[in-house]
Amino acid sequence: MRILGLITILLALSGCASERSIAFIYYPNHPGSHFPRPDQFAAEAQNECAKYGLVAVHEWESVTDFQRVRSLWRCVPR
């Protein structure tokens, strides 16, 4: 039972240390929204990564179905 508890705790802690990423999915032709504009994604990603002491790095953008654009940001150590 102790081994099972130890394994559970280690798995939980390893999940907390895993890589973090932030994805923004938006429609470029959508008129007005409460969602941040694409030019604000960098600041928003930096704010989210800063909560964990990390820095946001833009990884890639892709066009998905229905003309949605996905912008992916990774949080990396300073």
PDB file of N, CA and C in Angstrom:
ATOM      1  N   MET A   1       0.828  -1.190   0.000  1.00  0.00           N
ATOM      2  CA  MET A   1       0.000   0.000   0.000  1.00  0.00           C
ATOM      3  C   MET A   1       0.873   1.254   0.000  1.00  0.00           C
ATOM      4  N   ARG A   2       1.980   1.207   0.727  1.00  0.00           N
ATOM      5  CA  ARG A   2       2.876   2.359   0.762  1.00  0.00           C
ATOM      6  C   ARG A   2       3.480   2.631  -0.614  1.00  0.00           C
ATOM      7  N   ILE A   3       3.814   1.556  -1.317  1.00  0.00           N
ATOM      8  CA  ILE A   3       4.409   1.715  -2.652  1.00  0.00           C
ATOM      9  C   ILE A   3       3.404   2.347  -3.594  1.00  0.00           C
ATOM     10  N   LEU A   4       2.146   1.930  -3.516  1.00  0.00           N
ATOM     11  CA  LEU A   4       1.108   2.503  -4.357  1.00  0.00           C
ATOM     12  C   LEU A   4       0.935   3.993  -4.060  1.00  0.00           C
ATOM     13  N   GLY A   5       0.948   4.347  -2.779  1.00  0.00           N
ATOM     14  CA  GLY A   5       0.843   5.757  -2.399  1.00  0.00           C
ATOM     15  C   GLY A   5       2.026   6.565  -2.899  1.00  0.00           C
ATOM     16  N   LEU A   6       3.215   5.994  -2.810  1.00  0.00           N
ATOM     17  CA  LEU A   6       4.420   6.673  -3.287  1.00  0.00           C
ATOM     18  C   LEU A   6       4.371   6.887  -4.794  1.00  0.00           C
ATOM     19  N   ILE A   7       3.945   5.862  -5.514  1.00  0.00           N
ATOM     20  CA  ILE A   7       3.837   5.981  -6.973  1.00  0.00           C
ATOM     21  C   ILE A   7       2.810   7.044  -7.345  1.00  0.00           C
ATOM     22  N   THR A   8       1.694   7.095  -6.643  1.00  0.00           N
ATOM     23  CA  THR A   8       0.662   8.099  -6.906  1.00  0.00           C
ATOM     24  C   THR A   8       1.198   9.508  -6.684  1.00  0.00           C
ATOM     25  N   ILE A   9       1.916   9.707  -5.603  1.00  0.00           N
ATOM     26  CA  ILE A   9       2.484  11.024  -5.311  1.00  0.00           C
ATOM     27  C   ILE A   9       3.514  11.414  -6.372  1.00  0.00           C
ATOM     28  N   LEU A  10       4.355  10.495  -6.777  1.00  0.00           N
ATOM     29  CA  LEU A  10       5.356  10.791  -7.810  1.00  0.00           C
ATOM     30  C   LEU A  10       4.711  11.126  -9.147  1.00  0.00           C
ATOM     31  N   LEU A  11       3.659  10.426  -9.499  1.00  0.00           N
ATOM     32  CA  LEU A  11       2.958  10.732 -10.746  1.00  0.00           C
ATOM     33  C   LEU A  11       2.306  12.106 -10.689  1.00  0.00           C
ATOM     34  N   ALA A  12       1.735  12.450  -9.544  1.00  0.00           N
ATOM     35  CA  ALA A  12       1.113  13.770  -9.392  1.00  0.00           C
ATOM     36  C   ALA A  12       2.158  14.871  -9.497  1.00  0.00           C
ATOM     37  N   LEU A  13       3.306  14.683  -8.861  1.00  0.00           N
ATOM     38  CA  LEU A  13       4.357  15.688  -8.910  1.00  0.00           C
ATOM     39  C   LEU A  13       4.973  15.800 -10.300  1.00  0.00           C
ATOM     40  N   SER A  14       5.103  14.707 -10.999  1.00  0.00           N
ATOM     41  CA  SER A  14       5.674  14.771 -12.341  1.00  0.00           C
ATOM     42  C   SER A  14       4.717  15.483 -13.293  1.00  0.00           C
ATOM     43  N   GLY A  15       3.428  15.397 -13.047  1.00  0.00           N
ATOM     44  CA  GLY A  15       2.452  16.121 -13.866  1.00  0.00           C
ATOM     45  C   GLY A  15       2.557  17.618 -13.649  1.00  0.00           C
ATOM     46  N   CYS A  16       2.923  18.039 -12.455  1.00  0.00           N
ATOM     47  CA  CYS A  16       3.076  19.463 -12.171  1.00  0.00           C
ATOM     48  C   CYS A  16       4.330  20.021 -12.839  1.00  0.00           C
ATOM     49  N   ALA A  17       5.306  19.194 -13.082  1.00  0.00           N
ATOM     50  CA  ALA A  17       6.558  19.648 -13.669  1.00  0.00           C
ATOM     51  C   ALA A  17       6.569  19.507 -15.185  1.00  0.00           C
ATOM     52  N   SER A  18       5.475  19.051 -15.766  1.00  0.00           N
ATOM     53  CA  SER A  18       5.456  18.838 -17.214  1.00  0.00           C
ATOM     54  C   SER A  18       5.437  20.172 -17.963  1.00  0.00           C
ATOM     55  N   GLU A  19       5.726  20.094 -19.224  1.00  0.00           N
ATOM     56  CA  GLU A  19       5.779  21.293 -20.062  1.00  0.00           C
ATOM     57  C   GLU A  19       4.403  21.938 -20.156  1.00  0.00           C
ATOM     58  N   ARG A  20       4.389  23.234 -20.175  1.00  0.00           N
ATOM     59  CA  ARG A  20       3.137  23.979 -20.287  1.00  0.00           C
ATOM     60  C   ARG A  20       3.091  24.649 -21.649  1.00  0.00           C
ATOM     61  N   SER A  21       1.912  24.711 -22.204  1.00  0.00           N
ATOM     62  CA  SER A  21       1.739  25.402 -23.480  1.00  0.00           C
ATOM     63  C   SER A  21       0.399  26.123 -23.473  1.00  0.00           C
ATOM     64  N   ILE A  22       0.314  27.132 -24.300  1.00  0.00           N
ATOM     65  CA  ILE A  22      -0.892  27.947 -24.413  1.00  0.00           C
ATOM     66  C   ILE A  22      -1.267  27.986 -25.881  1.00  0.00           C
ATOM     67  N   ALA A  23      -2.516  27.722 -26.175  1.00  0.00           N
ATOM     68  CA  ALA A  23      -2.982  27.761 -27.563  1.00  0.00           C
ATOM     69  C   ALA A  23      -4.118  28.770 -27.686  1.00  0.00           C
ATOM     70  N   PHE A  24      -4.025  29.622 -28.678  1.00  0.00           N
ATOM     71  CA  PHE A  24      -5.086  30.553 -29.003  1.00  0.00           C
ATOM     72  C   PHE A  24      -5.704  30.089 -30.313  1.00  0.00           C
ATOM     73  N   ILE A  25      -7.012  29.924 -30.332  1.00  0.00           N
ATOM     74  CA  ILE A  25      -7.707  29.554 -31.556  1.00  0.00           C
ATOM     75  C   ILE A  25      -8.662  30.694 -31.878  1.00  0.00           C
ATOM     76  N   TYR A  26      -8.532  31.238 -33.070  1.00  0.00           N
ATOM     77  CA  TYR A  26      -9.364  32.379 -33.424  1.00  0.00           C
ATOM     78  C   TYR A  26      -9.768  32.330 -34.892  1.00  0.00           C
ATOM     79  N   TYR A  27     -10.805  33.077 -35.210  1.00  0.00           N
ATOM     80  CA  TYR A  27     -11.288  33.221 -36.579  1.00  0.00           C
ATOM     81  C   TYR A  27     -10.846  34.592 -37.079  1.00  0.00           C
ATOM     82  N   PRO A  28      -9.961  34.655 -38.060  1.00  0.00           N
ATOM     83  CA  PRO A  28      -9.439  35.947 -38.511  1.00  0.00           C
ATOM     84  C   PRO A  28     -10.505  36.888 -39.066  1.00  0.00           C
ATOM     85  N   ASN A  29     -11.577  36.360 -39.614  1.00  0.00           N
ATOM     86  CA  ASN A  29     -12.598  37.206 -40.242  1.00  0.00           C
ATOM     87  C   ASN A  29     -13.791  37.474 -39.341  1.00  0.00           C
ATOM     88  N   HIS A  30     -13.711  37.087 -38.075  1.00  0.00           N
ATOM     89  CA  HIS A  30     -14.822  37.293 -37.147  1.00  0.00           C
ATOM     90  C   HIS A  30     -14.886  38.754 -36.737  1.00  0.00           C
ATOM     91  N   PRO A  31     -16.067  39.383 -36.865  1.00  0.00           N
ATOM     92  CA  PRO A  31     -16.178  40.806 -36.508  1.00  0.00           C
ATOM     93  C   PRO A  31     -16.307  41.015 -35.004  1.00  0.00           C
ATOM     94  N   GLY A  32     -15.313  41.558 -34.386  1.00  0.00           N
ATOM     95  CA  GLY A  32     -15.360  41.923 -32.967  1.00  0.00           C
ATOM     96  C   GLY A  32     -15.560  40.738 -32.029  1.00  0.00           C
ATOM     97  N   SER A  33     -14.900  40.782 -30.915  1.00  0.00           N
ATOM     98  CA  SER A  33     -14.997  39.704 -29.946  1.00  0.00           C
ATOM     99  C   SER A  33     -14.416  40.186 -28.628  1.00  0.00           C
ATOM    100  N   HIS A  34     -14.715  39.445 -27.568  1.00  0.00           N
ATOM    101  CA  HIS A  34     -14.142  39.773 -26.261  1.00  0.00           C
ATOM    102  C   HIS A  34     -12.810  39.058 -26.064  1.00  0.00           C
ATOM    103  N   PHE A  35     -12.471  38.214 -26.995  1.00  0.00           N
ATOM    104  CA  PHE A  35     -11.221  37.468 -26.945  1.00  0.00           C
ATOM    105  C   PHE A  35     -10.068  38.386 -27.344  1.00  0.00           C
ATOM    106  N   PRO A  36      -8.864  38.201 -26.811  1.00  0.00           N
ATOM    107  CA  PRO A  36      -7.740  39.066 -27.193  1.00  0.00           C
ATOM    108  C   PRO A  36      -7.460  38.993 -28.696  1.00  0.00           C
ATOM    109  N   ARG A  37      -7.059  40.115 -29.256  1.00  0.00           N
ATOM    110  CA  ARG A  37      -6.699  40.166 -30.677  1.00  0.00           C
ATOM    111  C   ARG A  37      -5.361  39.463 -30.880  1.00  0.00           C
ATOM    112  N   PRO A  38      -5.070  39.003 -32.101  1.00  0.00           N
ATOM    113  CA  PRO A  38      -3.807  38.296 -32.356  1.00  0.00           C
ATOM    114  C   PRO A  38      -2.564  39.093 -31.959  1.00  0.00           C
ATOM    115  N   ASP A  39      -2.617  40.416 -32.049  1.00  0.00           N
ATOM    116  CA  ASP A  39      -1.439  41.196 -31.661  1.00  0.00           C
ATOM    117  C   ASP A  39      -1.258  41.257 -30.142  1.00  0.00           C
ATOM    118  N   GLN A  40      -2.243  40.799 -29.392  1.00  0.00           N
ATOM    119  CA  GLN A  40      -2.141  40.758 -27.928  1.00  0.00           C
ATOM    120  C   GLN A  40      -1.786  39.370 -27.400  1.00  0.00           C
ATOM    121  N   PHE A  41      -1.657  38.378 -28.287  1.00  0.00           N
ATOM    122  CA  PHE A  41      -1.376  37.017 -27.845  1.00  0.00           C
ATOM    123  C   PHE A  41      -0.044  36.915 -27.107  1.00  0.00           C
ATOM    124  N   ALA A  42       0.970  37.627 -27.572  1.00  0.00           N
ATOM    125  CA  ALA A  42       2.292  37.540 -26.932  1.00  0.00           C
ATOM    126  C   ALA A  42       2.217  38.002 -25.473  1.00  0.00           C
ATOM    127  N   ALA A  43       1.567  39.125 -25.231  1.00  0.00           N
ATOM    128  CA  ALA A  43       1.461  39.640 -23.866  1.00  0.00           C
ATOM    129  C   ALA A  43       0.638  38.702 -22.988  1.00  0.00           C
ATOM    130  N   GLU A  44      -0.440  38.174 -23.545  1.00  0.00           N
ATOM    131  CA  GLU A  44      -1.289  37.257 -22.782  1.00  0.00           C
ATOM    132  C   GLU A  44      -0.540  35.963 -22.443  1.00  0.00           C
ATOM    133  N   ALA A  45       0.216  35.443 -23.409  1.00  0.00           N
ATOM    134  CA  ALA A  45       1.000  34.226 -23.163  1.00  0.00           C
ATOM    135  C   ALA A  45       2.095  34.483 -22.129  1.00  0.00           C
ATOM    136  N   GLN A  46       2.749  35.647 -22.195  1.00  0.00           N
ATOM    137  CA  GLN A  46       3.778  35.984 -21.211  1.00  0.00           C
ATOM    138  C   GLN A  46       3.180  36.049 -19.803  1.00  0.00           C
ATOM    139  N   ASN A  47       1.990  36.630 -19.688  1.00  0.00           N
ATOM    140  CA  ASN A  47       1.332  36.715 -18.378  1.00  0.00           C
ATOM    141  C   ASN A  47       1.026  35.333 -17.820  1.00  0.00           C
ATOM    142  N   GLU A  48       0.524  34.441 -18.665  1.00  0.00           N
ATOM    143  CA  GLU A  48       0.191  33.096 -18.203  1.00  0.00           C
ATOM    144  C   GLU A  48       1.442  32.324 -17.797  1.00  0.00           C
ATOM    145  N   CYS A  49       2.506  32.412 -18.592  1.00  0.00           N
ATOM    146  CA  CYS A  49       3.735  31.681 -18.269  1.00  0.00           C
ATOM    147  C   CYS A  49       4.431  32.263 -17.047  1.00  0.00           C
ATOM    148  N   ALA A  50       4.310  33.574 -16.852  1.00  0.00           N
ATOM    149  CA  ALA A  50       4.960  34.225 -15.710  1.00  0.00           C
ATOM    150  C   ALA A  50       4.410  33.703 -14.384  1.00  0.00           C
ATOM    151  N   LYS A  51       3.180  33.201 -14.377  1.00  0.00           N
ATOM    152  CA  LYS A  51       2.597  32.641 -13.152  1.00  0.00           C
ATOM    153  C   LYS A  51       3.419  31.465 -12.638  1.00  0.00           C
ATOM    154  N   TYR A  52       4.139  30.798 -13.543  1.00  0.00           N
ATOM    155  CA  TYR A  52       4.937  29.626 -13.185  1.00  0.00           C
ATOM    156  C   TYR A  52       6.436  29.905 -13.264  1.00  0.00           C
ATOM    157  N   GLY A  53       6.813  31.186 -13.409  1.00  0.00           N
ATOM    158  CA  GLY A  53       8.223  31.540 -13.487  1.00  0.00           C
ATOM    159  C   GLY A  53       8.859  31.162 -14.813  1.00  0.00           C
ATOM    160  N   LEU A  54       8.060  31.124 -15.872  1.00  0.00           N
ATOM    161  CA  LEU A  54       8.536  30.734 -17.188  1.00  0.00           C
ATOM    162  C   LEU A  54       8.363  31.870 -18.184  1.00  0.00           C
ATOM    163  N   VAL A  55       8.923  31.694 -19.375  1.00  0.00           N
ATOM    164  CA  VAL A  55       8.826  32.685 -20.445  1.00  0.00           C
ATOM    165  C   VAL A  55       8.120  32.045 -21.627  1.00  0.00           C
ATOM    166  N   ALA A  56       7.251  32.796 -22.292  1.00  0.00           N
ATOM    167  CA  ALA A  56       6.514  32.272 -23.446  1.00  0.00           C
ATOM    168  C   ALA A  56       7.338  32.410 -24.723  1.00  0.00           C
ATOM    169  N   VAL A  57       7.339  31.335 -25.517  1.00  0.00           N
ATOM    170  CA  VAL A  57       8.032  31.323 -26.808  1.00  0.00           C
ATOM    171  C   VAL A  57       7.021  30.881 -27.862  1.00  0.00           C
ATOM    172  N   HIS A  58       6.894  31.678 -28.928  1.00  0.00           N
ATOM    173  CA  HIS A  58       5.948  31.335 -29.988  1.00  0.00           C
ATOM    174  C   HIS A  58       6.469  30.131 -30.754  1.00  0.00           C
ATOM    175  N   GLU A  59       5.642  29.098 -30.857  1.00  0.00           N
ATOM    176  CA  GLU A  59       6.088  27.882 -31.525  1.00  0.00           C
ATOM    177  C   GLU A  59       5.624  27.823 -32.969  1.00  0.00           C
ATOM    178  N   TRP A  60       4.332  27.922 -33.223  1.00  0.00           N
ATOM    179  CA  TRP A  60       3.848  27.889 -34.592  1.00  0.00           C
ATOM    180  C   TRP A  60       2.389  28.302 -34.664  1.00  0.00           C
ATOM    181  N   GLU A  61       1.935  28.570 -35.889  1.00  0.00           N
ATOM    182  CA  GLU A  61       0.537  28.844 -36.173  1.00  0.00           C
ATOM    183  C   GLU A  61       0.089  27.927 -37.291  1.00  0.00           C
ATOM    184  N   SER A  62      -1.147  27.539 -37.248  1.00  0.00           N
ATOM    185  CA  SER A  62      -1.672  26.705 -38.323  1.00  0.00           C
ATOM    186  C   SER A  62      -3.128  27.049 -38.573  1.00  0.00           C
ATOM    187  N   VAL A  63      -3.549  26.851 -39.808  1.00  0.00           N
ATOM    188  CA  VAL A  63      -4.947  27.046 -40.165  1.00  0.00           C
ATOM    189  C   VAL A  63      -5.627  25.690 -40.063  1.00  0.00           C
ATOM    190  N   THR A  64      -6.693  25.629 -39.274  1.00  0.00           N
ATOM    191  CA  THR A  64      -7.413  24.370 -39.091  1.00  0.00           C
ATOM    192  C   THR A  64      -8.709  24.413 -39.887  1.00  0.00           C
ATOM    193  N   ASP A  65      -9.582  23.477 -39.612  1.00  0.00           N
ATOM    194  CA  ASP A  65     -10.863  23.451 -40.317  1.00  0.00           C
ATOM    195  C   ASP A  65     -11.690  24.700 -40.024  1.00  0.00           C
ATOM    196  N   PHE A  66     -12.587  25.029 -40.890  1.00  0.00           N
ATOM    197  CA  PHE A  66     -13.472  26.194 -40.780  1.00  0.00           C
ATOM    198  C   PHE A  66     -12.703  27.512 -40.700  1.00  0.00           C
ATOM    199  N   GLN A  67     -11.512  27.558 -41.283  1.00  0.00           N
ATOM    200  CA  GLN A  67     -10.693  28.773 -41.351  1.00  0.00           C
ATOM    201  C   GLN A  67     -10.304  29.314 -39.975  1.00  0.00           C
ATOM    202  N   ARG A  68     -10.177  28.433 -39.008  1.00  0.00           N
ATOM    203  CA  ARG A  68      -9.678  28.850 -37.697  1.00  0.00           C
ATOM    204  C   ARG A  68      -8.164  28.849 -37.736  1.00  0.00           C
ATOM    205  N   VAL A  69      -7.561  29.760 -36.997  1.00  0.00           N
ATOM    206  CA  VAL A  69      -6.108  29.813 -36.891  1.00  0.00           C
ATOM    207  C   VAL A  69      -5.741  29.440 -35.459  1.00  0.00           C
ATOM    208  N   ARG A  70      -4.782  28.544 -35.334  1.00  0.00           N
ATOM    209  CA  ARG A  70      -4.316  28.099 -34.016  1.00  0.00           C
ATOM    210  C   ARG A  70      -2.898  28.608 -33.816  1.00  0.00           C
ATOM    211  N   SER A  71      -2.699  29.381 -32.777  1.00  0.00           N
ATOM    212  CA  SER A  71      -1.392  29.931 -32.444  1.00  0.00           C
ATOM    213  C   SER A  71      -0.923  29.267 -31.152  1.00  0.00           C
ATOM    214  N   LEU A  72       0.214  28.566 -31.213  1.00  0.00           N
ATOM    215  CA  LEU A  72       0.706  27.811 -30.064  1.00  0.00           C
ATOM    216  C   LEU A  72       1.926  28.493 -29.454  1.00  0.00           C
ATOM    217  N   TRP A  73       1.905  28.638 -28.140  1.00  0.00           N
ATOM    218  CA  TRP A  73       3.006  29.230 -27.366  1.00  0.00           C
ATOM    219  C   TRP A  73       3.442  28.222 -26.326  1.00  0.00           C
ATOM    220  N   ARG A  74       4.751  28.030 -26.189  1.00  0.00           N
ATOM    221  CA  ARG A  74       5.303  27.131 -25.159  1.00  0.00           C
ATOM    222  C   ARG A  74       5.898  27.956 -24.032  1.00  0.00           C
ATOM    223  N   CYS A  75       5.766  27.456 -22.817  1.00  0.00           N
ATOM    224  CA  CYS A  75       6.395  28.086 -21.659  1.00  0.00           C
ATOM    225  C   CYS A  75       7.713  27.359 -21.398  1.00  0.00           C
ATOM    226  N   VAL A  76       8.794  28.099 -21.403  1.00  0.00           N
ATOM    227  CA  VAL A  76      10.127  27.518 -21.192  1.00  0.00           C
ATOM    228  C   VAL A  76      10.802  28.207 -20.011  1.00  0.00           C
ATOM    229  N   PRO A  77      11.751  27.530 -19.363  1.00  0.00           N
ATOM    230  CA  PRO A  77      12.472  28.162 -18.243  1.00  0.00           C
ATOM    231  C   PRO A  77      13.270  29.377 -18.716  1.00  0.00           C
ATOM    232  N   ARG A  78      13.453  30.317 -17.819  1.00  0.00           N
ATOM    233  CA  ARG A  78      14.217  31.534 -18.138  1.00  0.00           C
ATOM    234  C   ARG A  78      15.657  31.252 -18.355  1.00  0.00           C
TER     235      ARG A  78
END
